Amino acid sequence: MPGDWLTDLGICGCAQTPYAGLSEEQILHRKLHEAVDIPSPAGCPAVLVDLMQACLSRQPSQRPTMPAVTNRLHSLLATFWSDDDS
């Protein structure tokens, strides 16, 4: 799921395992029977948290496509880089 890999990539500078401390059985149960609720990594910008949550929508039709996720990430990175140049 894109929401998982956004966390795995460590885009927030906080590369954390999204399901740290859970067994494979617990992870599978959560993904099959519960709303997915990956905790937001500490210090992660709200715009990335929003993107991760959108990727985890219970309604597949509400999830962004991979091209949309990629475009959003490119846009965010361009914004972050341009802010650093100021």
N, C-alpha and C. Protein backbone atom coordinates (compact mmCIF):
# COMPACT_ATOMS: atom_id res chain seq x y z
N MET A 1 0.84 -1.18 0.00
CA MET A 1 0.00 0.00 0.00
C MET A 1 0.88 1.24 0.00
N PRO A 2 0.51 2.22 -0.76
CA PRO A 2 1.34 3.43 -0.80
C PRO A 2 1.53 4.08 0.57
N GLY A 3 0.53 4.04 1.41
CA GLY A 3 0.67 4.64 2.74
C GLY A 3 1.78 3.99 3.53
N ASP A 4 1.90 2.67 3.39
CA ASP A 4 2.96 1.94 4.07
C ASP A 4 4.32 2.34 3.54
N TRP A 5 4.47 2.40 2.21
CA TRP A 5 5.80 2.68 1.68
C TRP A 5 6.20 4.12 1.88
N LEU A 6 5.25 5.03 2.02
CA LEU A 6 5.63 6.41 2.33
C LEU A 6 6.35 6.46 3.67
N THR A 7 5.84 5.69 4.62
CA THR A 7 6.49 5.63 5.93
C THR A 7 7.82 4.91 5.82
N ASP A 8 7.84 3.78 5.08
CA ASP A 8 9.07 3.00 4.92
C ASP A 8 10.17 3.82 4.26
N LEU A 9 9.81 4.67 3.32
CA LEU A 9 10.82 5.49 2.63
C LEU A 9 11.51 6.48 3.56
N GLY A 10 10.86 6.79 4.65
CA GLY A 10 11.46 7.75 5.58
C GLY A 10 11.43 9.15 5.02
N ILE A 11 10.39 9.46 4.23
CA ILE A 11 10.30 10.77 3.62
C ILE A 11 10.33 11.87 4.67
N CYS A 12 9.84 11.55 5.85
CA CYS A 12 9.77 12.56 6.91
C CYS A 12 11.09 12.65 7.67
N GLY A 13 12.10 11.93 7.23
CA GLY A 13 13.36 11.91 7.96
C GLY A 13 13.23 11.10 9.24
N CYS A 14 12.31 10.16 9.23
CA CYS A 14 12.04 9.43 10.46
C CYS A 14 11.81 7.95 10.17
N ALA A 15 12.51 7.38 9.24
CA ALA A 15 12.30 6.01 8.79
C ALA A 15 11.93 5.08 9.94
N GLN A 16 10.65 4.86 10.09
CA GLN A 16 10.14 4.00 11.13
C GLN A 16 9.39 2.86 10.48
N THR A 17 9.34 1.73 11.16
CA THR A 17 8.57 0.60 10.68
C THR A 17 7.12 0.85 11.03
N PRO A 18 6.21 0.81 10.05
CA PRO A 18 4.82 1.17 10.34
C PRO A 18 4.12 0.24 11.32
N TYR A 19 4.55 -1.01 11.44
CA TYR A 19 3.88 -1.95 12.34
C TYR A 19 4.86 -2.51 13.37
N ALA A 20 5.75 -1.69 13.85
CA ALA A 20 6.73 -2.13 14.83
C ALA A 20 6.03 -2.75 16.03
N GLY A 21 6.52 -3.89 16.47
CA GLY A 21 5.99 -4.53 17.66
C GLY A 21 4.81 -5.46 17.42
N LEU A 22 4.33 -5.55 16.18
CA LEU A 22 3.21 -6.44 15.89
C LEU A 22 3.71 -7.68 15.15
N SER A 23 3.10 -8.81 15.46
CA SER A 23 3.44 -10.05 14.76
C SER A 23 2.81 -10.03 13.37
N GLU A 24 3.25 -10.92 12.51
CA GLU A 24 2.68 -11.00 11.17
C GLU A 24 1.18 -11.30 11.24
N GLU A 25 0.78 -12.15 12.19
CA GLU A 25 -0.64 -12.47 12.34
C GLU A 25 -1.45 -11.24 12.75
N GLN A 26 -0.91 -10.43 13.65
CA GLN A 26 -1.60 -9.22 14.08
C GLN A 26 -1.73 -8.22 12.93
N ILE A 27 -0.68 -8.08 12.15
CA ILE A 27 -0.71 -7.18 11.00
C ILE A 27 -1.77 -7.64 10.00
N LEU A 28 -1.77 -8.93 9.69
CA LEU A 28 -2.74 -9.47 8.75
C LEU A 28 -4.16 -9.27 9.26
N HIS A 29 -4.39 -9.54 10.54
CA HIS A 29 -5.72 -9.35 11.12
C HIS A 29 -6.17 -7.90 10.99
N ARG A 30 -5.27 -6.98 11.32
CA ARG A 30 -5.61 -5.55 11.23
C ARG A 30 -5.95 -5.15 9.80
N LYS A 31 -5.18 -5.63 8.85
CA LYS A 31 -5.42 -5.25 7.46
C LYS A 31 -6.72 -5.84 6.93
N LEU A 32 -7.11 -7.02 7.43
CA LEU A 32 -8.32 -7.66 6.93
C LEU A 32 -9.58 -7.22 7.66
N HIS A 33 -9.47 -6.92 8.95
CA HIS A 33 -10.68 -6.73 9.76
C HIS A 33 -10.84 -5.36 10.41
N GLU A 34 -9.82 -4.56 10.39
CA GLU A 34 -9.90 -3.28 11.08
C GLU A 34 -9.54 -2.15 10.12
N ALA A 35 -9.97 -0.98 10.49
CA ALA A 35 -9.53 0.19 9.73
C ALA A 35 -8.02 0.30 9.90
N VAL A 36 -7.33 0.59 8.82
CA VAL A 36 -5.88 0.72 8.89
C VAL A 36 -5.54 2.06 9.50
N ASP A 37 -4.73 2.02 10.53
CA ASP A 37 -4.38 3.26 11.22
C ASP A 37 -2.90 3.27 11.57
N ILE A 38 -2.11 3.52 10.57
CA ILE A 38 -0.68 3.61 10.81
C ILE A 38 -0.43 4.90 11.59
N PRO A 39 0.24 4.80 12.72
CA PRO A 39 0.51 6.03 13.46
C PRO A 39 1.39 6.97 12.65
N SER A 40 1.13 8.24 12.78
CA SER A 40 1.94 9.23 12.06
C SER A 40 3.31 9.31 12.71
N PRO A 41 4.36 9.22 11.90
CA PRO A 41 5.70 9.33 12.46
C PRO A 41 5.91 10.71 13.10
N ALA A 42 6.63 10.73 14.18
CA ALA A 42 6.92 11.99 14.87
C ALA A 42 7.64 12.93 13.90
N GLY A 43 7.19 14.17 13.86
CA GLY A 43 7.84 15.17 13.03
C GLY A 43 7.45 15.12 11.56
N CYS A 44 6.55 14.24 11.20
CA CYS A 44 6.13 14.12 9.80
C CYS A 44 5.20 15.29 9.46
N PRO A 45 5.47 16.00 8.38
CA PRO A 45 4.60 17.13 8.00
C PRO A 45 3.16 16.66 7.76
N ALA A 46 2.22 17.51 8.13
CA ALA A 46 0.79 17.18 8.00
C ALA A 46 0.41 16.82 6.57
N VAL A 47 1.03 17.46 5.57
CA VAL A 47 0.68 17.17 4.18
C VAL A 47 1.02 15.73 3.82
N LEU A 48 2.09 15.19 4.39
CA LEU A 48 2.45 13.79 4.13
C LEU A 48 1.54 12.85 4.91
N VAL A 49 1.18 13.23 6.12
CA VAL A 49 0.23 12.42 6.90
C VAL A 49 -1.09 12.33 6.14
N ASP A 50 -1.55 13.46 5.61
CA ASP A 50 -2.80 13.48 4.84
C ASP A 50 -2.70 12.56 3.62
N LEU A 51 -1.57 12.59 2.95
CA LEU A 51 -1.37 11.73 1.77
C LEU A 51 -1.38 10.27 2.18
N MET A 52 -0.70 9.93 3.26
CA MET A 52 -0.70 8.54 3.73
C MET A 52 -2.11 8.09 4.08
N GLN A 53 -2.87 8.93 4.77
CA GLN A 53 -4.24 8.58 5.14
C GLN A 53 -5.12 8.40 3.91
N ALA A 54 -4.93 9.24 2.91
CA ALA A 54 -5.70 9.10 1.67
C ALA A 54 -5.41 7.76 1.00
N CYS A 55 -4.17 7.34 1.05
CA CYS A 55 -3.78 6.06 0.44
C CYS A 55 -4.40 4.87 1.18
N LEU A 56 -4.76 5.08 2.43
CA LEU A 56 -5.31 4.00 3.25
C LEU A 56 -6.83 4.05 3.36
N SER A 57 -7.48 4.82 2.52
CA SER A 57 -8.93 4.93 2.57
C SER A 57 -9.58 3.55 2.47
N ARG A 58 -10.64 3.34 3.25
CA ARG A 58 -11.37 2.07 3.21
C ARG A 58 -12.04 1.88 1.86
N GLN A 59 -12.37 2.96 1.18
CA GLN A 59 -13.01 2.90 -0.13
C GLN A 59 -11.93 2.99 -1.22
N PRO A 60 -11.69 1.90 -1.93
CA PRO A 60 -10.65 1.93 -2.97
C PRO A 60 -10.81 3.08 -3.96
N SER A 61 -12.03 3.43 -4.27
CA SER A 61 -12.25 4.51 -5.25
C SER A 61 -11.82 5.87 -4.70
N GLN A 62 -11.65 5.97 -3.39
CA GLN A 62 -11.23 7.22 -2.76
C GLN A 62 -9.71 7.34 -2.63
N ARG A 63 -9.00 6.24 -2.91
CA ARG A 63 -7.54 6.26 -2.80
C ARG A 63 -6.93 6.91 -4.04
N PRO A 64 -5.85 7.68 -3.84
CA PRO A 64 -5.19 8.26 -5.02
C PRO A 64 -4.48 7.17 -5.83
N THR A 65 -4.38 7.39 -7.11
CA THR A 65 -3.65 6.46 -7.96
C THR A 65 -2.15 6.64 -7.73
N MET A 66 -1.37 5.67 -8.16
CA MET A 66 0.09 5.80 -8.01
C MET A 66 0.62 7.02 -8.76
N PRO A 67 0.14 7.29 -9.98
CA PRO A 67 0.61 8.52 -10.64
C PRO A 67 0.25 9.77 -9.84
N ALA A 68 -0.94 9.78 -9.22
CA ALA A 68 -1.33 10.94 -8.41
C ALA A 68 -0.44 11.08 -7.18
N VAL A 69 -0.10 9.94 -6.56
CA VAL A 69 0.80 9.97 -5.40
C VAL A 69 2.18 10.49 -5.83
N THR A 70 2.67 9.97 -6.94
CA THR A 70 3.98 10.39 -7.45
C THR A 70 3.99 11.88 -7.75
N ASN A 71 2.95 12.36 -8.41
CA ASN A 71 2.87 13.79 -8.73
C ASN A 71 2.83 14.63 -7.47
N ARG A 72 2.06 14.19 -6.48
CA ARG A 72 1.96 14.94 -5.23
C ARG A 72 3.31 14.98 -4.52
N LEU A 73 4.01 13.85 -4.50
CA LEU A 73 5.34 13.82 -3.86
C LEU A 73 6.32 14.73 -4.58
N HIS A 74 6.30 14.70 -5.91
CA HIS A 74 7.19 15.60 -6.67
C HIS A 74 6.89 17.06 -6.34
N SER A 75 5.61 17.38 -6.27
CA SER A 75 5.20 18.74 -5.94
C SER A 75 5.66 19.13 -4.53
N LEU A 76 5.47 18.23 -3.58
CA LEU A 76 5.88 18.51 -2.20
C LEU A 76 7.40 18.67 -2.09
N LEU A 77 8.13 17.81 -2.78
CA LEU A 77 9.59 17.91 -2.73
C LEU A 77 10.06 19.22 -3.35
N ALA A 78 9.43 19.62 -4.44
CA ALA A 78 9.79 20.89 -5.07
C ALA A 78 9.52 22.05 -4.12
N THR A 79 8.41 21.96 -3.40
CA THR A 79 8.07 23.01 -2.43
C THR A 79 9.08 23.05 -1.29
N PHE A 80 9.42 21.86 -0.75
CA PHE A 80 10.39 21.80 0.35
C PHE A 80 11.74 22.33 -0.09
N TRP A 81 12.18 21.94 -1.32
CA TRP A 81 13.47 22.39 -1.80
C TRP A 81 13.47 23.89 -2.03
N SER A 82 12.40 24.42 -2.57
CA SER A 82 12.36 25.86 -2.83
C SER A 82 12.32 26.65 -1.53
N ASP A 83 11.71 26.08 -0.48
CA ASP A 83 11.70 26.73 0.84
C ASP A 83 13.11 26.77 1.44
N ASP A 84 13.89 25.72 1.18
CA ASP A 84 15.25 25.65 1.71
C ASP A 84 16.18 26.66 1.02
N ASP A 85 15.87 26.99 -0.23
CA ASP A 85 16.72 27.91 -0.99
C ASP A 85 16.54 29.38 -0.57
N SER A 86 15.49 29.64 0.19
CA SER A 86 15.20 31.04 0.58
C SER A 86 16.22 31.58 1.55
